[in-house]
Amino acid sequence: MKTQISFKKTNGSDGVALLDGDASSILQAKRELANKLDLPAAGSSSSETEALDARLRHGGIDPDSLKIHHVSE
């Protein structure tokens, strides 16, 4: 199984990423996307969600726009 993540970039354009495996939660999808794009840590945050959101924003991705779509092979 693969997971397709669609998202909005901070410049208003759309983006799509295809990940191996099953990202079944938004938190997991954010983590996998940030790691796949090799986004650096963006300072200290009080929670993992805030840290991931900061990484995605730093990479030009609106973290609130992620949508998960499962793709069967």
PDB file of N, CA and C in Angstrom:
ATOM      1  N   MET A   1       0.845  -1.179   0.000  1.00  0.00           N
ATOM      2  CA  MET A   1       0.000   0.000   0.000  1.00  0.00           C
ATOM      3  C   MET A   1       0.888   1.240   0.000  1.00  0.00           C
ATOM      4  N   LYS A   2       0.398   2.258  -0.648  1.00  0.00           N
ATOM      5  CA  LYS A   2       1.070   3.555  -0.657  1.00  0.00           C
ATOM      6  C   LYS A   2       0.087   4.603  -0.158  1.00  0.00           C
ATOM      7  N   THR A   3       0.621   5.721   0.269  1.00  0.00           N
ATOM      8  CA  THR A   3      -0.208   6.828   0.735  1.00  0.00           C
ATOM      9  C   THR A   3       0.139   8.060  -0.075  1.00  0.00           C
ATOM     10  N   GLN A   4      -0.882   8.669  -0.651  1.00  0.00           N
ATOM     11  CA  GLN A   4      -0.709   9.925  -1.367  1.00  0.00           C
ATOM     12  C   GLN A   4      -1.142  11.042  -0.441  1.00  0.00           C
ATOM     13  N   ILE A   5      -0.275  12.031  -0.288  1.00  0.00           N
ATOM     14  CA  ILE A   5      -0.587  13.182   0.558  1.00  0.00           C
ATOM     15  C   ILE A   5      -0.696  14.400  -0.351  1.00  0.00           C
ATOM     16  N   SER A   6      -1.848  15.034  -0.331  1.00  0.00           N
ATOM     17  CA  SER A   6      -2.008  16.279  -1.076  1.00  0.00           C
ATOM     18  C   SER A   6      -1.975  17.424  -0.071  1.00  0.00           C
ATOM     19  N   PHE A   7      -1.452  18.571  -0.520  1.00  0.00           N
ATOM     20  CA  PHE A   7      -1.291  19.701   0.388  1.00  0.00           C
ATOM     21  C   PHE A   7      -1.231  20.996  -0.398  1.00  0.00           C
ATOM     22  N   LYS A   8      -1.405  22.095   0.301  1.00  0.00           N
ATOM     23  CA  LYS A   8      -1.242  23.431  -0.269  1.00  0.00           C
ATOM     24  C   LYS A   8       0.105  23.961   0.169  1.00  0.00           C
ATOM     25  N   LYS A   9       0.793  24.592  -0.763  1.00  0.00           N
ATOM     26  CA  LYS A   9       2.042  25.261  -0.423  1.00  0.00           C
ATOM     27  C   LYS A   9       1.713  26.661   0.081  1.00  0.00           C
ATOM     28  N   THR A  10       2.626  27.248   0.809  1.00  0.00           N
ATOM     29  CA  THR A  10       2.378  28.585   1.363  1.00  0.00           C
ATOM     30  C   THR A  10       2.302  29.652   0.280  1.00  0.00           C
ATOM     31  N   ASN A  11       2.753  29.337  -0.937  1.00  0.00           N
ATOM     32  CA  ASN A  11       2.645  30.297  -2.040  1.00  0.00           C
ATOM     33  C   ASN A  11       1.320  30.148  -2.789  1.00  0.00           C
ATOM     34  N   GLY A  12       0.455  29.230  -2.319  1.00  0.00           N
ATOM     35  CA  GLY A  12      -0.870  29.049  -2.903  1.00  0.00           C
ATOM     36  C   GLY A  12      -0.988  27.904  -3.885  1.00  0.00           C
ATOM     37  N   SER A  13       0.116  27.340  -4.344  1.00  0.00           N
ATOM     38  CA  SER A  13       0.045  26.232  -5.290  1.00  0.00           C
ATOM     39  C   SER A  13      -0.221  24.913  -4.564  1.00  0.00           C
ATOM     40  N   ASP A  14      -0.573  23.895  -5.342  1.00  0.00           N
ATOM     41  CA  ASP A  14      -0.859  22.574  -4.787  1.00  0.00           C
ATOM     42  C   ASP A  14       0.364  21.690  -4.873  1.00  0.00           C
ATOM     43  N   GLY A  15       0.448  20.732  -3.966  1.00  0.00           N
ATOM     44  CA  GLY A  15       1.529  19.771  -3.984  1.00  0.00           C
ATOM     45  C   GLY A  15       1.009  18.378  -3.683  1.00  0.00           C
ATOM     46  N   VAL A  16       1.748  17.369  -4.133  1.00  0.00           N
ATOM     47  CA  VAL A  16       1.390  15.971  -3.905  1.00  0.00           C
ATOM     48  C   VAL A  16       2.666  15.198  -3.626  1.00  0.00           C
ATOM     49  N   ALA A  17       2.587  14.279  -2.672  1.00  0.00           N
ATOM     50  CA  ALA A  17       3.714  13.397  -2.383  1.00  0.00           C
ATOM     51  C   ALA A  17       3.192  11.977  -2.267  1.00  0.00           C
ATOM     52  N   LEU A  18       3.930  11.012  -2.767  1.00  0.00           N
ATOM     53  CA  LEU A  18       3.569   9.611  -2.670  1.00  0.00           C
ATOM     54  C   LEU A  18       4.556   8.934  -1.735  1.00  0.00           C
ATOM     55  N   LEU A  19       4.015   8.319  -0.696  1.00  0.00           N
ATOM     56  CA  LEU A  19       4.853   7.675   0.317  1.00  0.00           C
ATOM     57  C   LEU A  19       4.617   6.177   0.328  1.00  0.00           C
ATOM     58  N   ASP A  20       5.651   5.411   0.607  1.00  0.00           N
ATOM     59  CA  ASP A  20       5.499   3.978   0.797  1.00  0.00           C
ATOM     60  C   ASP A  20       4.837   3.733   2.145  1.00  0.00           C
ATOM     61  N   GLY A  21       3.976   2.736   2.213  1.00  0.00           N
ATOM     62  CA  GLY A  21       3.357   2.375   3.474  1.00  0.00           C
ATOM     63  C   GLY A  21       2.034   3.076   3.703  1.00  0.00           C
ATOM     64  N   ASP A  22       1.523   2.882   4.899  1.00  0.00           N
ATOM     65  CA  ASP A  22       0.195   3.366   5.271  1.00  0.00           C
ATOM     66  C   ASP A  22       0.317   4.452   6.334  1.00  0.00           C
ATOM     67  N   ALA A  23       0.196   5.697   5.942  1.00  0.00           N
ATOM     68  CA  ALA A  23       0.165   6.803   6.902  1.00  0.00           C
ATOM     69  C   ALA A  23      -1.304   7.032   7.237  1.00  0.00           C
ATOM     70  N   SER A  24      -1.750   6.500   8.358  1.00  0.00           N
ATOM     71  CA  SER A  24      -3.180   6.500   8.654  1.00  0.00           C
ATOM     72  C   SER A  24      -3.640   7.696   9.486  1.00  0.00           C
ATOM     73  N   SER A  25      -2.718   8.472  10.002  1.00  0.00           N
ATOM     74  CA  SER A  25      -3.117   9.656  10.768  1.00  0.00           C
ATOM     75  C   SER A  25      -2.418  10.889  10.192  1.00  0.00           C
ATOM     76  N   ILE A  26      -3.001  12.044  10.441  1.00  0.00           N
ATOM     77  CA  ILE A  26      -2.406  13.288   9.954  1.00  0.00           C
ATOM     78  C   ILE A  26      -1.022  13.495  10.567  1.00  0.00           C
ATOM     79  N   LEU A  27      -0.872  13.188  11.855  1.00  0.00           N
ATOM     80  CA  LEU A  27       0.431  13.338  12.512  1.00  0.00           C
ATOM     81  C   LEU A  27       1.481  12.471  11.825  1.00  0.00           C
ATOM     82  N   GLN A  28       1.137  11.235  11.535  1.00  0.00           N
ATOM     83  CA  GLN A  28       2.069  10.337  10.866  1.00  0.00           C
ATOM     84  C   GLN A  28       2.371  10.839   9.451  1.00  0.00           C
ATOM     85  N   ALA A  29       1.352  11.344   8.758  1.00  0.00           N
ATOM     86  CA  ALA A  29       1.550  11.878   7.406  1.00  0.00           C
ATOM     87  C   ALA A  29       2.484  13.083   7.436  1.00  0.00           C
ATOM     88  N   LYS A  30       2.317  13.964   8.422  1.00  0.00           N
ATOM     89  CA  LYS A  30       3.195  15.131   8.554  1.00  0.00           C
ATOM     90  C   LYS A  30       4.630  14.684   8.788  1.00  0.00           C
ATOM     91  N   ARG A  31       4.809  13.702   9.666  1.00  0.00           N
ATOM     92  CA  ARG A  31       6.148  13.194   9.980  1.00  0.00           C
ATOM     93  C   ARG A  31       6.795  12.588   8.737  1.00  0.00           C
ATOM     94  N   GLU A  32       6.060  11.734   8.034  1.00  0.00           N
ATOM     95  CA  GLU A  32       6.599  11.073   6.847  1.00  0.00           C
ATOM     96  C   GLU A  32       6.925  12.071   5.742  1.00  0.00           C
ATOM     97  N   LEU A  33       6.055  13.070   5.551  1.00  0.00           N
ATOM     98  CA  LEU A  33       6.296  14.077   4.524  1.00  0.00           C
ATOM     99  C   LEU A  33       7.527  14.919   4.851  1.00  0.00           C
ATOM    100  N   ALA A  34       7.638  15.359   6.083  1.00  0.00           N
ATOM    101  CA  ALA A  34       8.801  16.159   6.497  1.00  0.00           C
ATOM    102  C   ALA A  34      10.094  15.362   6.342  1.00  0.00           C
ATOM    103  N   ASN A  35      10.046  14.082   6.679  1.00  0.00           N
ATOM    104  CA  ASN A  35      11.238  13.244   6.545  1.00  0.00           C
ATOM    105  C   ASN A  35      11.564  12.975   5.078  1.00  0.00           C
ATOM    106  N   LYS A  36      10.530  12.697   4.262  1.00  0.00           N
ATOM    107  CA  LYS A  36      10.763  12.434   2.838  1.00  0.00           C
ATOM    108  C   LYS A  36      11.378  13.640   2.143  1.00  0.00           C
ATOM    109  N   LEU A  37      10.935  14.846   2.518  1.00  0.00           N
ATOM    110  CA  LEU A  37      11.465  16.064   1.921  1.00  0.00           C
ATOM    111  C   LEU A  37      12.757  16.522   2.588  1.00  0.00           C
ATOM    112  N   ASP A  38      13.179  15.782   3.624  1.00  0.00           N
ATOM    113  CA  ASP A  38      14.407  16.067   4.358  1.00  0.00           C
ATOM    114  C   ASP A  38      14.414  17.507   4.888  1.00  0.00           C
ATOM    115  N   LEU A  39      13.267  17.905   5.461  1.00  0.00           N
ATOM    116  CA  LEU A  39      13.151  19.256   6.013  1.00  0.00           C
ATOM    117  C   LEU A  39      13.866  19.332   7.356  1.00  0.00           C
ATOM    118  N   PRO A  40      14.645  20.366   7.582  1.00  0.00           N
ATOM    119  CA  PRO A  40      15.390  20.490   8.843  1.00  0.00           C
ATOM    120  C   PRO A  40      14.457  20.845  10.003  1.00  0.00           C
ATOM    121  N   ALA A  41      14.906  20.566  11.197  1.00  0.00           N
ATOM    122  CA  ALA A  41      14.166  20.970  12.391  1.00  0.00           C
ATOM    123  C   ALA A  41      14.089  22.489  12.419  1.00  0.00           C
ATOM    124  N   ALA A  42      12.958  22.993  12.883  1.00  0.00           N
ATOM    125  CA  ALA A  42      12.741  24.450  12.872  1.00  0.00           C
ATOM    126  C   ALA A  42      12.640  24.998  14.282  1.00  0.00           C
ATOM    127  N   GLY A  43      13.667  24.822  15.075  1.00  0.00           N
ATOM    128  CA  GLY A  43      13.677  25.360  16.438  1.00  0.00           C
ATOM    129  C   GLY A  43      13.009  24.428  17.427  1.00  0.00           C
ATOM    130  N   SER A  44      12.900  24.878  18.651  1.00  0.00           N
ATOM    131  CA  SER A  44      12.313  24.043  19.699  1.00  0.00           C
ATOM    132  C   SER A  44      10.814  24.309  19.799  1.00  0.00           C
ATOM    133  N   SER A  45      10.068  23.249  20.034  1.00  0.00           N
ATOM    134  CA  SER A  45       8.624  23.341  20.202  1.00  0.00           C
ATOM    135  C   SER A  45       8.222  22.490  21.389  1.00  0.00           C
ATOM    136  N   SER A  46       7.044  22.775  21.927  1.00  0.00           N
ATOM    137  CA  SER A  46       6.608  22.066  23.122  1.00  0.00           C
ATOM    138  C   SER A  46       5.981  20.716  22.802  1.00  0.00           C
ATOM    139  N   SER A  47       5.608  20.456  21.549  1.00  0.00           N
ATOM    140  CA  SER A  47       5.025  19.167  21.211  1.00  0.00           C
ATOM    141  C   SER A  47       5.523  18.714  19.840  1.00  0.00           C
ATOM    142  N   GLU A  48       5.352  17.436  19.572  1.00  0.00           N
ATOM    143  CA  GLU A  48       5.772  16.891  18.280  1.00  0.00           C
ATOM    144  C   GLU A  48       4.954  17.519  17.152  1.00  0.00           C
ATOM    145  N   THR A  49       3.656  17.728  17.382  1.00  0.00           N
ATOM    146  CA  THR A  49       2.803  18.332  16.362  1.00  0.00           C
ATOM    147  C   THR A  49       3.287  19.725  15.998  1.00  0.00           C
ATOM    148  N   GLU A  50       3.614  20.541  17.000  1.00  0.00           N
ATOM    149  CA  GLU A  50       4.117  21.899  16.740  1.00  0.00           C
ATOM    150  C   GLU A  50       5.448  21.857  15.999  1.00  0.00           C
ATOM    151  N   ALA A  51       6.304  20.927  16.370  1.00  0.00           N
ATOM    152  CA  ALA A  51       7.606  20.804  15.711  1.00  0.00           C
ATOM    153  C   ALA A  51       7.441  20.403  14.250  1.00  0.00           C
ATOM    154  N   LEU A  52       6.538  19.453  13.973  1.00  0.00           N
ATOM    155  CA  LEU A  52       6.296  19.033  12.598  1.00  0.00           C
ATOM    156  C   LEU A  52       5.669  20.158  11.784  1.00  0.00           C
ATOM    157  N   ASP A  53       4.716  20.872  12.379  1.00  0.00           N
ATOM    158  CA  ASP A  53       4.084  22.005  11.692  1.00  0.00           C
ATOM    159  C   ASP A  53       5.130  23.065  11.333  1.00  0.00           C
ATOM    160  N   ALA A  54       6.045  23.329  12.252  1.00  0.00           N
ATOM    161  CA  ALA A  54       7.094  24.324  12.001  1.00  0.00           C
ATOM    162  C   ALA A  54       8.017  23.855  10.878  1.00  0.00           C
ATOM    163  N   ARG A  55       8.367  22.557  10.863  1.00  0.00           N
ATOM    164  CA  ARG A  55       9.209  22.015   9.792  1.00  0.00           C
ATOM    165  C   ARG A  55       8.522  22.175   8.440  1.00  0.00           C
ATOM    166  N   LEU A  56       7.230  21.848   8.387  1.00  0.00           N
ATOM    167  CA  LEU A  56       6.500  21.933   7.127  1.00  0.00           C
ATOM    168  C   LEU A  56       6.380  23.383   6.658  1.00  0.00           C
ATOM    169  N   ARG A  57       6.046  24.296   7.580  1.00  0.00           N
ATOM    170  CA  ARG A  57       5.950  25.717   7.223  1.00  0.00           C
ATOM    171  C   ARG A  57       7.278  26.228   6.689  1.00  0.00           C
ATOM    172  N   HIS A  58       8.358  25.828   7.350  1.00  0.00           N
ATOM    173  CA  HIS A  58       9.704  26.227   6.924  1.00  0.00           C
ATOM    174  C   HIS A  58       9.998  25.710   5.507  1.00  0.00           C
ATOM    175  N   GLY A  59       9.414  24.560   5.170  1.00  0.00           N
ATOM    176  CA  GLY A  59       9.589  23.978   3.841  1.00  0.00           C
ATOM    177  C   GLY A  59       8.576  24.488   2.824  1.00  0.00           C
ATOM    178  N   GLY A  60       7.738  25.455   3.218  1.00  0.00           N
ATOM    179  CA  GLY A  60       6.789  26.051   2.293  1.00  0.00           C
ATOM    180  C   GLY A  60       5.478  25.311   2.155  1.00  0.00           C
ATOM    181  N   ILE A  61       5.123  24.507   3.166  1.00  0.00           N
ATOM    182  CA  ILE A  61       3.894  23.717   3.134  1.00  0.00           C
ATOM    183  C   ILE A  61       2.976  24.158   4.261  1.00  0.00           C
ATOM    184  N   ASP A  62       1.693  24.356   3.942  1.00  0.00           N
ATOM    185  CA  ASP A  62       0.689  24.684   4.956  1.00  0.00           C
ATOM    186  C   ASP A  62       0.328  23.394   5.691  1.00  0.00           C
ATOM    187  N   PRO A  63       0.720  23.249   6.954  1.00  0.00           N
ATOM    188  CA  PRO A  63       0.508  21.985   7.667  1.00  0.00           C
ATOM    189  C   PRO A  63      -0.968  21.654   7.916  1.00  0.00           C
ATOM    190  N   ASP A  64      -1.847  22.644   7.847  1.00  0.00           N
ATOM    191  CA  ASP A  64      -3.269  22.394   8.068  1.00  0.00           C
ATOM    192  C   ASP A  64      -3.978  21.919   6.806  1.00  0.00           C
ATOM    193  N   SER A  65      -3.272  21.867   5.697  1.00  0.00           N
ATOM    194  CA  SER A  65      -3.911  21.526   4.425  1.00  0.00           C
ATOM    195  C   SER A  65      -3.706  20.074   4.001  1.00  0.00           C
ATOM    196  N   LEU A  66      -2.963  19.280   4.772  1.00  0.00           N
ATOM    197  CA  LEU A  66      -2.675  17.910   4.367  1.00  0.00           C
ATOM    198  C   LEU A  66      -3.936  17.061   4.310  1.00  0.00           C
ATOM    199  N   LYS A  67      -4.035  16.266   3.237  1.00  0.00           N
ATOM    200  CA  LYS A  67      -5.112  15.305   3.078  1.00  0.00           C
ATOM    201  C   LYS A  67      -4.484  13.979   2.690  1.00  0.00           C
ATOM    202  N   ILE A  68      -4.969  12.912   3.302  1.00  0.00           N
ATOM    203  CA  ILE A  68      -4.416  11.566   3.096  1.00  0.00           C
ATOM    204  C   ILE A  68      -5.324  10.794   2.142  1.00  0.00           C
ATOM    205  N   HIS A  69      -4.701  10.150   1.155  1.00  0.00           N
ATOM    206  CA  HIS A  69      -5.414   9.297   0.210  1.00  0.00           C
ATOM    207  C   HIS A  69      -4.642   7.982   0.099  1.00  0.00           C
ATOM    208  N   HIS A  70      -5.281   6.872   0.435  1.00  0.00           N
ATOM    209  CA  HIS A  70      -4.617   5.572   0.354  1.00  0.00           C
ATOM    210  C   HIS A  70      -4.722   5.035  -1.068  1.00  0.00           C
ATOM    211  N   VAL A  71      -3.614   4.482  -1.556  1.00  0.00           N
ATOM    212  CA  VAL A  71      -3.533   3.963  -2.919  1.00  0.00           C
ATOM    213  C   VAL A  71      -3.179   2.478  -2.831  1.00  0.00           C
ATOM    214  N   SER A  72      -4.042   1.628  -3.383  1.00  0.00           N
ATOM    215  CA  SER A  72      -3.773   0.184  -3.403  1.00  0.00           C
ATOM    216  C   SER A  72      -2.908  -0.161  -4.597  1.00  0.00           C
ATOM    217  N   GLU A  73      -2.091  -1.173  -4.437  1.00  0.00           N
ATOM    218  CA  GLU A  73      -1.247  -1.628  -5.544  1.00  0.00           C
ATOM    219  C   GLU A  73      -1.715  -2.987  -6.003  1.00  0.00           C
TER     220      GLU A  73
END
